Amino acid sequence: MNEKWNPLSVILLAVGIALAGWFIGSGFVKSRTANRYVTVKGVSEKDVKADVAFWAIKFSATDNNLQVVQNQIKENYKKILLFLKQFDIPEKNVELQRLNVSDLLTDPYRSGPVKSRYIITQTLMVRTQNVDAVVNASQAVGRLVDAGVILSNREYDNSGPTYLFSGLNDLKPQMIAEATANARRSAQQFAKDSGSRIAGIRRANQGVFVILPRDRTPGVMQSNQVFKTVRVVSTIEYLLKD
């Protein structure tokens, strides 16, 4: 049975098809626009100086008489305090830490005769904000050896000073702003070269702040250097439009 279409039905159907086509087409355009973006990275670096210094000084004494060894350790401790005082590091910035006493006759792995039965090793920790004083003292540590202090300097001991930078939080706002500005300039240049414009941020990743050695030589850690480089890399996706 053939149904007759009245003019109004035909008009409404045509309008509906046209509107559907427009919405579908508009959806495709928006989808393509949303997928047009560029990913750029913005870098910010700043050289800083450490503001806290730690220095673990490990010294030893040995003898067959335990009392003699103890007296040597006490004397060496006084010599170290006097040495540090010469570099404006007072006793209040010095803390005695680990004390090790070894009796070689109780060592099951020893071989041959024992010349010095007892070995005492004492660790002294220097903590100060006077970074330059620690730098100068550590460079003159040979004076302690000249004074008869036996320093422990094994390969697995971190016998040198450690320098820390504690002002990272104060730098973050400025460096994030700088990294973001650098990323935006890169995005603008890319948009210009491709005949488009940036429309806004699609996604952003602030990045992680890292502290690197300023002098990046193999085997040297940033904690052993007074001067360091703070670095952050921000990753930003910018939408593009014609």
Protein backbone atom coordinates (compact mmCIF):
# COMPACT_ATOMS: atom_id res chain seq x y z
CA MET A 1 0.00 0.00 0.00
CA ASN A 2 1.54 3.28 -1.14
CA GLU A 3 1.46 6.07 1.36
CA LYS A 4 1.27 9.56 -0.02
CA TRP A 5 3.63 12.13 1.35
CA ASN A 6 2.22 15.56 1.98
CA PRO A 7 4.42 18.59 1.25
CA LEU A 8 4.92 19.39 4.96
CA SER A 9 6.31 15.91 5.68
CA VAL A 10 8.70 16.20 2.77
CA ILE A 11 9.93 19.58 3.98
CA LEU A 12 10.43 18.35 7.56
CA LEU A 13 12.31 15.28 6.35
CA ALA A 14 14.59 17.41 4.19
CA VAL A 15 15.29 19.82 7.05
CA GLY A 16 16.03 16.89 9.38
CA ILE A 17 18.48 15.36 6.96
CA ALA A 18 20.18 18.71 6.45
CA LEU A 19 20.49 19.34 10.19
CA ALA A 20 21.83 15.85 10.78
CA GLY A 21 24.44 16.39 8.10
CA TRP A 22 25.42 19.73 9.62
CA PHE A 23 25.80 18.27 13.13
CA ILE A 24 27.81 15.33 11.84
CA GLY A 25 30.02 17.60 9.77
CA SER A 26 30.47 20.00 12.66
CA GLY A 27 31.40 17.09 14.88
CA PHE A 28 34.10 15.99 12.49
CA VAL A 29 35.51 19.48 12.30
CA LYS A 30 35.63 19.77 16.08
CA SER A 31 37.20 16.34 16.35
CA ARG A 32 39.89 17.25 13.86
CA THR A 33 40.50 20.55 15.63
CA ALA A 34 40.86 18.79 18.98
CA ASN A 35 43.40 16.42 17.48
CA ARG A 36 45.53 19.23 16.09
CA TYR A 37 48.09 20.01 18.72
CA VAL A 38 51.81 20.29 19.19
CA THR A 39 53.88 18.95 22.09
CA VAL A 40 56.72 21.17 23.22
CA LYS A 41 59.19 21.18 26.09
CA GLY A 42 60.32 24.20 28.05
CA VAL A 43 63.58 24.12 29.99
CA SER A 44 64.72 26.29 32.86
CA GLU A 45 68.15 26.03 34.48
CA LYS A 46 69.74 28.00 37.28
CA ASP A 47 73.21 27.73 38.82
CA VAL A 48 73.18 27.72 42.62
CA LYS A 49 75.62 27.38 45.48
CA ALA A 50 75.24 24.85 48.28
CA ASP A 51 74.18 26.34 51.60
CA VAL A 52 74.81 23.38 53.92
CA ALA A 53 77.94 21.27 54.26
CA PHE A 54 78.43 17.86 55.89
CA TRP A 55 81.83 16.34 56.44
CA ALA A 56 82.35 12.93 58.04
CA ILE A 57 85.92 12.68 59.30
CA LYS A 58 86.89 9.13 60.20
CA PHE A 59 90.14 8.62 62.11
CA SER A 60 91.83 5.58 63.62
CA ALA A 61 94.42 4.48 66.15
CA THR A 62 96.01 1.10 66.82
CA ASP A 63 98.18 -0.55 69.49
CA ASN A 64 98.49 -3.76 71.49
CA ASN A 65 97.31 -1.92 74.59
CA LEU A 66 93.64 -0.91 74.52
CA GLN A 67 94.16 1.98 76.93
CA VAL A 68 96.91 3.39 74.74
CA VAL A 69 94.63 3.25 71.71
CA GLN A 70 91.85 5.02 73.60
CA ASN A 71 94.22 7.79 74.62
CA GLN A 72 95.40 8.17 71.02
CA ILE A 73 91.82 8.54 69.83
CA LYS A 74 91.13 11.24 72.44
CA GLU A 75 94.27 13.13 71.46
CA ASN A 76 93.45 12.90 67.77
CA TYR A 77 89.95 14.20 68.46
CA LYS A 78 91.44 17.27 70.17
CA LYS A 79 93.78 17.81 67.22
CA ILE A 80 90.88 17.68 64.79
CA LEU A 81 88.84 20.18 66.83
CA LEU A 82 91.81 22.56 66.90
CA PHE A 83 92.29 22.11 63.16
CA LEU A 84 88.62 22.88 62.42
CA LYS A 85 88.69 25.92 64.72
CA GLN A 86 91.45 27.37 62.56
CA PHE A 87 88.94 27.41 59.70
CA ASP A 88 86.13 29.02 61.73
CA ILE A 89 84.31 25.74 62.40
CA PRO A 90 83.50 25.76 66.14
CA GLU A 91 83.01 22.69 68.31
CA LYS A 92 79.22 23.25 68.36
CA ASN A 93 79.16 22.25 64.69
CA VAL A 94 80.95 18.97 65.43
CA GLU A 95 79.32 15.75 66.61
CA LEU A 96 80.97 12.50 67.61
CA GLN A 97 79.30 9.55 65.97
CA ARG A 98 80.10 5.91 65.40
CA LEU A 99 82.88 4.29 67.44
CA ASN A 100 84.29 0.95 66.30
CA VAL A 101 86.64 -1.19 68.38
CA SER A 102 88.29 -4.20 66.74
CA ASP A 103 90.28 -6.95 68.44
CA LEU A 104 92.28 -8.70 65.74
CA LEU A 105 92.84 -11.75 67.94
CA THR A 106 89.10 -12.44 67.73
CA ASP A 107 89.08 -12.26 63.93
CA PRO A 108 88.53 -15.82 62.63
CA TYR A 109 89.90 -14.85 59.20
CA ARG A 110 93.24 -13.43 60.37
CA SER A 111 96.47 -15.04 59.25
CA GLY A 112 99.95 -14.65 60.69
CA PRO A 113 101.02 -12.83 63.83
CA VAL A 114 99.26 -9.72 65.07
CA LYS A 115 101.48 -6.68 65.64
CA SER A 116 98.76 -4.31 66.84
CA ARG A 117 95.91 -6.11 68.48
CA TYR A 118 93.39 -3.28 68.92
CA ILE A 119 92.05 -0.87 66.30
CA ILE A 120 89.67 1.94 67.24
CA THR A 121 87.95 3.99 64.56
CA GLN A 122 85.98 7.11 65.45
CA THR A 123 83.72 9.14 63.15
CA LEU A 124 83.32 12.86 63.63
CA MET A 125 80.55 14.70 61.76
CA VAL A 126 80.80 18.35 60.82
CA ARG A 127 77.55 20.12 59.93
CA THR A 128 77.57 23.81 59.13
CA GLN A 129 76.13 26.48 56.85
CA ASN A 130 79.62 27.92 56.47
CA VAL A 131 80.25 26.05 53.25
CA ASP A 132 83.41 27.94 52.36
CA ALA A 133 84.97 26.99 55.69
CA VAL A 134 84.46 23.29 54.97
CA VAL A 135 85.87 23.71 51.47
CA ASN A 136 89.01 25.36 52.81
CA ALA A 137 89.44 22.86 55.65
CA SER A 138 88.98 19.82 53.42
CA GLN A 139 91.64 21.14 51.04
CA ALA A 140 94.08 21.48 53.93
CA VAL A 141 93.34 18.11 55.54
CA GLY A 142 96.97 17.10 55.01
CA ARG A 143 97.79 19.12 58.12
CA LEU A 144 96.03 16.49 60.22
CA VAL A 145 98.21 13.79 58.71
CA ASP A 146 101.27 15.91 59.50
CA ALA A 147 100.01 16.12 63.10
CA GLY A 148 99.92 12.32 63.35
CA VAL A 149 96.18 11.77 62.81
CA ILE A 150 95.48 8.59 60.85
CA LEU A 151 92.52 9.23 58.57
CA SER A 152 90.42 6.43 57.13
CA ASN A 153 90.24 6.86 53.38
CA ARG A 154 89.08 3.56 51.95
CA GLU A 155 87.56 3.42 48.50
CA TYR A 156 84.11 2.60 49.85
CA ASP A 157 84.21 5.42 52.41
CA ASN A 158 82.72 8.78 51.45
CA SER A 159 85.52 10.68 53.14
CA GLY A 160 84.97 13.98 51.34
CA PRO A 161 82.45 16.66 52.29
CA THR A 162 78.86 16.59 51.08
CA TYR A 163 77.30 19.85 49.94
CA LEU A 164 73.54 20.37 49.85
CA PHE A 165 71.31 23.09 48.43
CA SER A 166 68.16 23.65 50.51
CA GLY A 167 66.57 26.59 48.70
CA LEU A 168 64.79 24.65 45.97
CA ASN A 169 61.26 25.65 47.04
CA ASP A 170 62.14 29.32 46.69
CA LEU A 171 63.21 28.79 43.08
CA LYS A 172 60.27 26.69 41.90
CA PRO A 173 57.72 29.44 41.01
CA GLN A 174 60.19 31.47 38.97
CA MET A 175 61.65 28.46 37.18
CA ILE A 176 58.23 26.98 36.35
CA ALA A 177 57.18 30.32 34.86
CA GLU A 178 60.37 30.47 32.82
CA ALA A 179 60.01 26.89 31.56
CA THR A 180 56.37 27.53 30.61
CA ALA A 181 57.30 30.73 28.74
CA ASN A 182 60.03 28.88 26.84
CA ALA A 183 57.58 26.13 25.90
CA ARG A 184 55.02 28.67 24.65
CA ARG A 185 57.61 30.39 22.46
CA SER A 186 58.48 27.04 20.91
CA ALA A 187 54.80 26.32 20.26
CA GLN A 188 54.27 29.76 18.71
CA GLN A 189 57.22 29.26 16.40
CA PHE A 190 55.93 25.84 15.34
CA ALA A 191 52.44 27.25 14.71
CA LYS A 192 53.87 30.11 12.67
CA ASP A 193 55.95 27.74 10.54
CA SER A 194 52.93 25.50 9.92
CA GLY A 195 50.55 28.37 9.07
CA SER A 196 48.40 28.06 12.19
CA ARG A 197 47.99 29.58 15.63
CA ILE A 198 47.99 28.17 19.13
CA ALA A 199 44.53 28.07 20.69
CA GLY A 200 45.22 27.00 24.26
CA ILE A 201 46.71 24.32 26.44
CA ARG A 202 45.49 20.77 25.86
CA ARG A 203 47.62 19.14 28.54
CA ALA A 204 50.54 20.19 30.73
CA ASN A 205 53.15 18.41 32.81
CA GLN A 206 55.15 20.61 35.16
CA GLY A 207 58.10 18.24 35.20
CA VAL A 208 60.46 17.14 37.96
CA PHE A 209 63.11 19.37 39.47
CA VAL A 210 66.56 17.83 39.47
CA ILE A 211 69.82 19.07 40.95
CA LEU A 212 72.84 18.32 38.79
CA PRO A 213 76.54 18.97 39.23
CA ARG A 214 77.52 22.22 37.57
CA ASP A 215 80.74 20.64 36.34
CA ARG A 216 79.51 17.39 34.83
CA THR A 217 82.59 15.21 34.85
CA PRO A 218 82.44 11.39 34.90
CA GLY A 219 82.26 9.87 38.36
CA VAL A 220 81.61 13.15 40.18
CA MET A 221 78.30 13.44 42.02
CA GLN A 222 76.48 16.71 42.54
CA SER A 223 76.60 16.17 46.32
CA ASN A 224 80.40 16.52 46.18
CA GLN A 225 80.28 19.86 44.35
CA VAL A 226 79.63 23.24 45.95
CA PHE A 227 78.15 24.71 42.77
CA LYS A 228 75.19 22.94 41.22
CA THR A 229 72.62 23.37 38.46
CA VAL A 230 68.90 23.18 39.19
CA ARG A 231 66.93 22.03 36.13
CA VAL A 232 63.27 21.51 35.29
CA VAL A 233 61.69 20.48 31.98
CA SER A 234 57.98 21.22 31.49
CA THR A 235 56.04 19.35 28.79
CA ILE A 236 53.00 21.17 27.37
CA GLU A 237 50.56 20.30 24.58
CA TYR A 238 49.09 23.33 22.78
CA LEU A 239 45.98 23.13 20.60
CA LEU A 240 46.35 24.53 17.09
CA LYS A 241 43.84 26.42 14.97
CA ASP A 242 43.85 27.94 11.52
